[in-house]
Amino acid sequence: MATFIKPEVQRASLSDRRTNHRGPVQTKARLTVIDGPTAGATHEILARDGSMGGLAFLLRESLEVGQQCTVQMLPAGKIQACEIVRARPISAGRYEMALQFRK
């Protein structure tokens, strides 16, 4: 009967690998598209997950990765330039979007 020795497996750190601290947020914001086919469109969004580098939100229409836009946290927050970095459908007529702030 053969005896099998389980090889030692190195585990990655159990700490969070994200470089920016994220926290759950439910903040209203105004997103304005700057370029692309929907340039000038404004959307009221509810930010779901935010960090110092960007935020995630749901939208009823898809924006394209790479589109430039601005976002303003409501009420009357600072307007920040941003770029769409993720756009994926999650259900019929809803898309999960993520944007990254630009300096």
N, C-alpha and C. Protein backbone atom coordinates (compact mmCIF):
# COMPACT_ATOMS: atom_id res chain seq x y z
N MET A 1 0.84 -1.17 0.00
CA MET A 1 0.00 0.00 0.00
C MET A 1 0.89 1.24 0.00
N ALA A 2 0.62 2.16 -0.94
CA ALA A 2 1.43 3.37 -1.10
C ALA A 2 0.96 4.45 -0.13
N THR A 3 1.92 5.19 0.39
CA THR A 3 1.62 6.30 1.27
C THR A 3 1.86 7.59 0.49
N PHE A 4 0.85 8.43 0.45
CA PHE A 4 0.97 9.70 -0.26
C PHE A 4 1.28 10.81 0.72
N ILE A 5 2.25 11.61 0.39
CA ILE A 5 2.61 12.74 1.23
C ILE A 5 2.05 13.99 0.57
N LYS A 6 1.27 14.71 1.32
CA LYS A 6 0.66 15.94 0.81
C LYS A 6 1.72 17.02 0.73
N PRO A 7 1.95 17.59 -0.46
CA PRO A 7 2.97 18.64 -0.58
C PRO A 7 2.58 19.89 0.20
N GLU A 8 3.58 20.58 0.67
CA GLU A 8 3.36 21.84 1.40
C GLU A 8 2.95 22.91 0.40
N VAL A 9 1.83 23.54 0.65
CA VAL A 9 1.31 24.57 -0.24
C VAL A 9 1.44 25.91 0.44
N GLN A 10 2.05 26.87 -0.27
CA GLN A 10 2.17 28.20 0.29
C GLN A 10 0.88 28.95 0.04
N ARG A 11 0.37 29.59 1.06
CA ARG A 11 -0.86 30.36 0.95
C ARG A 11 -0.52 31.83 0.78
N ALA A 12 -1.33 32.46 -0.02
CA ALA A 12 -1.21 33.92 -0.14
C ALA A 12 -1.69 34.53 1.17
N SER A 13 -1.30 35.73 1.40
CA SER A 13 -1.74 36.42 2.60
C SER A 13 -3.26 36.49 2.66
N LEU A 14 -3.80 36.37 3.83
CA LEU A 14 -5.25 36.45 3.99
C LEU A 14 -5.75 37.89 4.00
N SER A 15 -4.82 38.83 3.97
CA SER A 15 -5.23 40.24 3.98
C SER A 15 -5.78 40.63 2.60
N ASP A 16 -6.49 41.71 2.57
CA ASP A 16 -7.08 42.21 1.33
C ASP A 16 -5.98 42.66 0.38
N ARG A 17 -6.08 42.27 -0.89
CA ARG A 17 -5.06 42.60 -1.88
C ARG A 17 -5.29 43.95 -2.53
N ARG A 18 -6.39 44.60 -2.26
CA ARG A 18 -6.67 45.89 -2.90
C ARG A 18 -5.67 46.93 -2.43
N THR A 19 -5.32 47.82 -3.35
CA THR A 19 -4.36 48.86 -2.98
C THR A 19 -5.05 50.07 -2.36
N ASN A 20 -6.33 50.24 -2.63
CA ASN A 20 -7.08 51.36 -2.06
C ASN A 20 -8.11 50.82 -1.09
N HIS A 21 -8.24 51.47 0.06
CA HIS A 21 -9.23 51.05 1.03
C HIS A 21 -10.63 51.26 0.45
N ARG A 22 -11.46 50.23 0.52
CA ARG A 22 -12.83 50.33 0.03
C ARG A 22 -13.79 50.16 1.18
N GLY A 23 -14.90 50.81 1.06
CA GLY A 23 -15.94 50.66 2.06
C GLY A 23 -17.29 50.67 1.39
N PRO A 24 -18.26 50.04 2.00
CA PRO A 24 -19.60 50.06 1.40
C PRO A 24 -20.18 51.47 1.49
N VAL A 25 -20.59 51.97 0.37
CA VAL A 25 -21.20 53.30 0.35
C VAL A 25 -22.50 53.22 -0.43
N GLN A 26 -23.42 54.01 -0.05
CA GLN A 26 -24.68 54.17 -0.79
C GLN A 26 -24.86 55.67 -0.94
N THR A 27 -24.11 56.24 -1.85
CA THR A 27 -24.09 57.67 -2.04
C THR A 27 -24.66 58.03 -3.41
N LYS A 28 -25.52 59.03 -3.43
CA LYS A 28 -26.05 59.51 -4.71
C LYS A 28 -25.00 60.36 -5.39
N ALA A 29 -24.97 60.25 -6.72
CA ALA A 29 -24.01 61.02 -7.50
C ALA A 29 -24.62 61.32 -8.87
N ARG A 30 -24.04 62.29 -9.54
CA ARG A 30 -24.47 62.65 -10.89
C ARG A 30 -23.31 62.35 -11.83
N LEU A 31 -23.55 61.49 -12.82
CA LEU A 31 -22.56 61.09 -13.80
C LEU A 31 -22.87 61.77 -15.13
N THR A 32 -21.90 62.46 -15.70
CA THR A 32 -22.07 63.11 -17.00
C THR A 32 -21.07 62.53 -17.97
N VAL A 33 -21.56 62.01 -19.09
CA VAL A 33 -20.71 61.41 -20.12
C VAL A 33 -20.12 62.52 -20.98
N ILE A 34 -18.81 62.48 -21.21
CA ILE A 34 -18.12 63.53 -21.96
C ILE A 34 -17.93 63.16 -23.42
N ASP A 35 -17.62 61.90 -23.71
CA ASP A 35 -17.36 61.51 -25.10
C ASP A 35 -18.15 60.27 -25.49
N GLY A 36 -18.02 59.87 -26.74
CA GLY A 36 -18.72 58.69 -27.23
C GLY A 36 -20.10 59.01 -27.76
N PRO A 37 -20.87 57.98 -28.13
CA PRO A 37 -22.18 58.20 -28.75
C PRO A 37 -23.21 58.86 -27.83
N THR A 38 -23.03 58.76 -26.53
CA THR A 38 -23.99 59.36 -25.59
C THR A 38 -23.41 60.59 -24.91
N ALA A 39 -22.50 61.29 -25.58
CA ALA A 39 -21.86 62.47 -25.00
C ALA A 39 -22.91 63.49 -24.57
N GLY A 40 -22.74 64.03 -23.37
CA GLY A 40 -23.67 65.01 -22.83
C GLY A 40 -24.77 64.41 -21.98
N ALA A 41 -24.92 63.09 -22.01
CA ALA A 41 -25.96 62.44 -21.19
C ALA A 41 -25.61 62.53 -19.72
N THR A 42 -26.62 62.75 -18.89
CA THR A 42 -26.44 62.84 -17.44
C THR A 42 -27.27 61.75 -16.79
N HIS A 43 -26.69 61.07 -15.80
CA HIS A 43 -27.37 59.99 -15.09
C HIS A 43 -27.25 60.22 -13.59
N GLU A 44 -28.35 60.04 -12.87
CA GLU A 44 -28.31 60.03 -11.42
C GLU A 44 -28.02 58.58 -11.02
N ILE A 45 -26.93 58.36 -10.28
CA ILE A 45 -26.52 57.01 -9.92
C ILE A 45 -26.46 56.87 -8.41
N LEU A 46 -26.45 55.63 -7.95
CA LEU A 46 -26.26 55.32 -6.54
C LEU A 46 -24.97 54.52 -6.44
N ALA A 47 -23.93 55.13 -5.92
CA ALA A 47 -22.64 54.47 -5.79
C ALA A 47 -22.76 53.32 -4.80
N ARG A 48 -22.29 52.13 -5.19
CA ARG A 48 -22.43 50.94 -4.36
C ARG A 48 -21.16 50.61 -3.61
N ASP A 49 -20.02 50.84 -4.19
CA ASP A 49 -18.75 50.45 -3.62
C ASP A 49 -17.74 51.51 -4.03
N GLY A 50 -17.15 52.18 -3.09
CA GLY A 50 -16.26 53.27 -3.44
C GLY A 50 -14.92 53.19 -2.76
N SER A 51 -13.94 53.83 -3.36
CA SER A 51 -12.61 53.95 -2.77
C SER A 51 -12.04 55.30 -3.19
N MET A 52 -10.82 55.55 -2.80
CA MET A 52 -10.17 56.79 -3.21
C MET A 52 -9.85 56.76 -4.70
N GLY A 53 -9.86 55.57 -5.32
CA GLY A 53 -9.50 55.44 -6.72
C GLY A 53 -10.66 55.35 -7.68
N GLY A 54 -11.86 55.04 -7.19
CA GLY A 54 -13.00 54.91 -8.08
C GLY A 54 -14.24 54.42 -7.34
N LEU A 55 -15.26 54.05 -8.11
CA LEU A 55 -16.49 53.54 -7.51
C LEU A 55 -17.23 52.65 -8.49
N ALA A 56 -18.14 51.85 -7.95
CA ALA A 56 -18.98 50.96 -8.75
C ALA A 56 -20.43 51.38 -8.60
N PHE A 57 -21.23 51.14 -9.64
CA PHE A 57 -22.63 51.53 -9.62
C PHE A 57 -23.40 50.72 -10.65
N LEU A 58 -24.72 50.76 -10.57
CA LEU A 58 -25.60 50.12 -11.55
C LEU A 58 -26.20 51.18 -12.45
N LEU A 59 -26.44 50.79 -13.71
CA LEU A 59 -27.01 51.72 -14.68
C LEU A 59 -27.90 50.93 -15.63
N ARG A 60 -28.95 51.57 -16.13
CA ARG A 60 -29.87 50.89 -17.04
C ARG A 60 -29.40 50.87 -18.49
N GLU A 61 -28.35 51.62 -18.81
CA GLU A 61 -27.77 51.56 -20.15
C GLU A 61 -26.28 51.32 -20.02
N SER A 62 -25.72 50.70 -21.01
CA SER A 62 -24.30 50.36 -20.96
C SER A 62 -23.45 51.51 -21.50
N LEU A 63 -22.39 51.80 -20.80
CA LEU A 63 -21.37 52.72 -21.29
C LEU A 63 -20.19 51.87 -21.72
N GLU A 64 -19.34 52.41 -22.56
CA GLU A 64 -18.21 51.65 -23.07
C GLU A 64 -16.98 51.86 -22.20
N VAL A 65 -16.21 50.79 -22.04
CA VAL A 65 -14.95 50.90 -21.30
C VAL A 65 -14.07 51.91 -22.03
N GLY A 66 -13.50 52.82 -21.28
CA GLY A 66 -12.64 53.86 -21.85
C GLY A 66 -13.35 55.19 -22.04
N GLN A 67 -14.68 55.22 -21.92
CA GLN A 67 -15.40 56.49 -22.06
C GLN A 67 -15.02 57.43 -20.94
N GLN A 68 -14.84 58.69 -21.29
CA GLN A 68 -14.51 59.73 -20.32
C GLN A 68 -15.80 60.32 -19.77
N CYS A 69 -15.81 60.65 -18.48
CA CYS A 69 -16.99 61.23 -17.87
C CYS A 69 -16.58 62.05 -16.65
N THR A 70 -17.54 62.68 -16.04
CA THR A 70 -17.33 63.37 -14.76
C THR A 70 -18.36 62.84 -13.79
N VAL A 71 -18.01 62.86 -12.52
CA VAL A 71 -18.94 62.43 -11.48
C VAL A 71 -18.91 63.47 -10.37
N GLN A 72 -20.11 63.75 -9.84
CA GLN A 72 -20.25 64.70 -8.74
C GLN A 72 -21.07 64.04 -7.66
N MET A 73 -20.48 63.89 -6.48
CA MET A 73 -21.22 63.33 -5.35
C MET A 73 -22.24 64.36 -4.90
N LEU A 74 -23.44 63.91 -4.63
CA LEU A 74 -24.51 64.82 -4.23
C LEU A 74 -24.66 64.81 -2.72
N PRO A 75 -25.04 65.88 -2.12
CA PRO A 75 -25.37 67.19 -2.68
C PRO A 75 -24.13 68.05 -2.85
N ALA A 76 -23.99 68.62 -4.00
CA ALA A 76 -22.99 69.65 -4.34
C ALA A 76 -21.57 69.29 -3.95
N GLY A 77 -21.12 68.10 -4.30
CA GLY A 77 -19.74 67.72 -4.07
C GLY A 77 -18.84 68.19 -5.20
N LYS A 78 -17.57 67.94 -5.05
CA LYS A 78 -16.59 68.32 -6.07
C LYS A 78 -16.80 67.47 -7.33
N ILE A 79 -16.65 68.07 -8.49
CA ILE A 79 -16.76 67.34 -9.76
C ILE A 79 -15.39 66.75 -10.08
N GLN A 80 -15.37 65.43 -10.34
CA GLN A 80 -14.12 64.75 -10.64
C GLN A 80 -14.17 64.10 -12.01
N ALA A 81 -13.07 64.21 -12.75
CA ALA A 81 -12.95 63.53 -14.04
C ALA A 81 -12.74 62.04 -13.78
N CYS A 82 -13.31 61.19 -14.64
CA CYS A 82 -13.18 59.76 -14.46
C CYS A 82 -13.28 59.04 -15.80
N GLU A 83 -13.00 57.74 -15.77
CA GLU A 83 -13.05 56.90 -16.96
C GLU A 83 -13.72 55.59 -16.59
N ILE A 84 -14.58 55.09 -17.48
CA ILE A 84 -15.25 53.81 -17.26
C ILE A 84 -14.21 52.70 -17.44
N VAL A 85 -14.08 51.82 -16.44
CA VAL A 85 -13.11 50.74 -16.51
C VAL A 85 -13.77 49.36 -16.53
N ARG A 86 -15.07 49.27 -16.24
CA ARG A 86 -15.77 47.99 -16.30
C ARG A 86 -17.22 48.24 -16.66
N ALA A 87 -17.74 47.40 -17.55
CA ALA A 87 -19.15 47.46 -17.92
C ALA A 87 -19.59 46.03 -18.24
N ARG A 88 -20.48 45.49 -17.42
CA ARG A 88 -20.94 44.13 -17.69
C ARG A 88 -22.42 44.01 -17.38
N PRO A 89 -23.14 43.25 -18.20
CA PRO A 89 -24.57 43.07 -17.94
C PRO A 89 -24.76 42.16 -16.73
N ILE A 90 -25.73 42.50 -15.88
CA ILE A 90 -26.02 41.64 -14.72
C ILE A 90 -27.42 41.07 -14.78
N SER A 91 -28.33 41.73 -15.48
CA SER A 91 -29.68 41.22 -15.68
C SER A 91 -30.28 41.96 -16.86
N ALA A 92 -31.48 41.59 -17.22
CA ALA A 92 -32.13 42.22 -18.37
C ALA A 92 -32.25 43.73 -18.14
N GLY A 93 -31.51 44.49 -18.93
CA GLY A 93 -31.61 45.94 -18.87
C GLY A 93 -30.84 46.61 -17.76
N ARG A 94 -29.97 45.88 -17.05
CA ARG A 94 -29.15 46.49 -15.99
C ARG A 94 -27.70 46.11 -16.19
N TYR A 95 -26.83 47.07 -15.92
CA TYR A 95 -25.40 46.87 -16.11
C TYR A 95 -24.66 47.29 -14.85
N GLU A 96 -23.62 46.54 -14.51
CA GLU A 96 -22.74 46.93 -13.42
C GLU A 96 -21.58 47.69 -14.06
N MET A 97 -21.35 48.87 -13.57
CA MET A 97 -20.32 49.73 -14.13
C MET A 97 -19.31 50.07 -13.02
N ALA A 98 -18.09 50.34 -13.43
CA ALA A 98 -17.08 50.82 -12.49
C ALA A 98 -16.31 51.94 -13.18
N LEU A 99 -15.95 52.93 -12.41
CA LEU A 99 -15.16 54.03 -12.95
C LEU A 99 -13.96 54.27 -12.09
N GLN A 100 -12.93 54.82 -12.73
CA GLN A 100 -11.70 55.16 -12.06
C GLN A 100 -11.51 56.66 -12.15
N PHE A 101 -11.21 57.28 -11.01
CA PHE A 101 -10.99 58.72 -10.99
C PHE A 101 -9.69 59.06 -11.71
N ARG A 102 -9.69 60.18 -12.43
CA ARG A 102 -8.50 60.69 -13.11
C ARG A 102 -8.05 61.93 -12.39
N LYS A 103 -6.77 62.19 -12.44
CA LYS A 103 -6.23 63.35 -11.74
C LYS A 103 -6.17 64.55 -12.64
